């Protein structure tokens, strides 16, 4: 019967993986903030702006479940912002 490879991970491999992890950060007012936090705030602002525009144009009555629509707008704006700054 063939022998399966050893699935244990050495502590050196875990240490190398954790050392290689990097979260982009921004220097805002002398403090480093994670970039995902700024992108999510921009996404939330985009959803609020979409809500205001839809309400002003009176198309919000035709929008399906608002509890799904506006968070989806926020996620889309967040993702586009992230990919715009950090995408390859």
Protein backbone atom coordinates (compact mmCIF):
# COMPACT_ATOMS: atom_id res chain seq x y z
CA UNK A 1 0.00 0.00 0.00
CA UNK A 2 1.46 3.43 -0.93
CA UNK A 3 2.37 5.71 1.90
CA UNK A 4 0.63 9.11 2.11
CA UNK A 5 2.78 12.20 2.46
CA UNK A 6 3.23 13.65 5.91
CA UNK A 7 0.68 16.46 6.36
CA UNK A 8 2.32 18.07 9.37
CA UNK A 9 3.62 21.61 8.94
CA UNK A 10 6.85 22.62 10.61
CA UNK A 11 6.92 25.68 12.85
CA UNK A 12 9.49 27.29 10.56
CA UNK A 13 7.03 27.16 7.67
CA UNK A 14 4.28 28.75 9.76
CA UNK A 15 6.69 31.44 10.96
CA UNK A 16 7.75 32.21 7.38
CA UNK A 17 4.11 32.41 6.26
CA UNK A 18 3.17 34.81 9.06
CA UNK A 19 6.24 36.95 8.38
CA UNK A 20 5.34 37.22 4.69
CA UNK A 21 1.79 38.42 5.37
CA UNK A 22 1.42 42.12 4.75
CA UNK A 23 -1.61 44.35 4.96
CA UNK A 24 -1.27 47.61 3.04
CA UNK A 25 -1.64 50.58 5.33
CA UNK A 26 -1.99 54.32 4.89
CA UNK A 27 -0.44 57.09 6.95
CA UNK A 28 -3.39 59.30 7.98
CA UNK A 29 -2.68 62.06 10.49
CA UNK A 30 0.46 60.28 11.63
CA UNK A 31 -1.34 56.99 12.36
CA UNK A 32 -1.24 53.91 10.15
CA UNK A 33 -4.70 52.64 9.20
CA UNK A 34 -5.32 49.42 7.31
CA UNK A 35 -6.23 50.18 3.71
CA UNK A 36 -9.26 47.90 3.80
CA UNK A 37 -10.78 50.16 6.45
CA UNK A 38 -10.53 53.23 4.23
CA UNK A 39 -11.90 51.30 1.25
CA UNK A 40 -14.87 50.08 3.30
CA UNK A 41 -15.64 53.62 4.47
CA UNK A 42 -15.58 54.78 0.84
CA UNK A 43 -17.93 51.89 -0.02
CA UNK A 44 -20.36 52.86 2.72
CA UNK A 45 -20.27 56.48 1.54
CA UNK A 46 -20.99 55.22 -1.99
CA UNK A 47 -24.05 53.33 -0.75
CA UNK A 48 -25.31 56.42 1.08
CA UNK A 49 -24.84 58.51 -2.08
CA UNK A 50 -26.66 55.84 -4.13
CA UNK A 51 -29.51 55.93 -1.60
CA UNK A 52 -29.75 59.73 -1.84
CA UNK A 53 -29.71 59.65 -5.64
CA UNK A 54 -32.33 56.90 -5.84
CA UNK A 55 -34.54 58.74 -3.35
CA UNK A 56 -34.19 62.06 -5.18
CA UNK A 57 -35.06 60.45 -8.52
CA UNK A 58 -37.91 58.50 -6.87
CA UNK A 59 -36.70 55.17 -8.28
CA UNK A 60 -36.27 53.60 -4.85
CA UNK A 61 -39.85 52.31 -4.96
CA UNK A 62 -38.90 50.05 -7.89
CA UNK A 63 -35.81 48.70 -6.17
CA UNK A 64 -36.28 45.16 -4.89
CA UNK A 65 -35.25 44.29 -1.35
CA UNK A 66 -33.42 47.38 -0.12
CA UNK A 67 -31.72 45.34 2.58
CA UNK A 68 -29.86 43.49 -0.19
CA UNK A 69 -29.50 46.29 -2.76
CA UNK A 70 -27.66 48.96 -0.76
CA UNK A 71 -25.16 46.63 0.97
CA UNK A 72 -24.43 45.20 -2.49
CA UNK A 73 -23.69 48.73 -3.71
CA UNK A 74 -21.38 49.22 -0.72
CA UNK A 75 -19.52 45.96 -1.45
CA UNK A 76 -19.22 46.82 -5.15
CA UNK A 77 -17.82 50.30 -4.45
CA UNK A 78 -15.46 48.87 -1.81
CA UNK A 79 -14.18 46.21 -4.22
CA UNK A 80 -13.73 48.66 -7.08
CA UNK A 81 -11.85 51.04 -4.80
CA UNK A 82 -9.58 48.25 -3.55
CA UNK A 83 -8.89 46.92 -7.06
CA UNK A 84 -8.31 50.44 -8.34
CA UNK A 85 -5.59 51.12 -5.77
CA UNK A 86 -4.09 47.71 -5.19
CA UNK A 87 -5.18 45.56 -8.15
CA UNK A 88 -2.67 44.28 -10.67
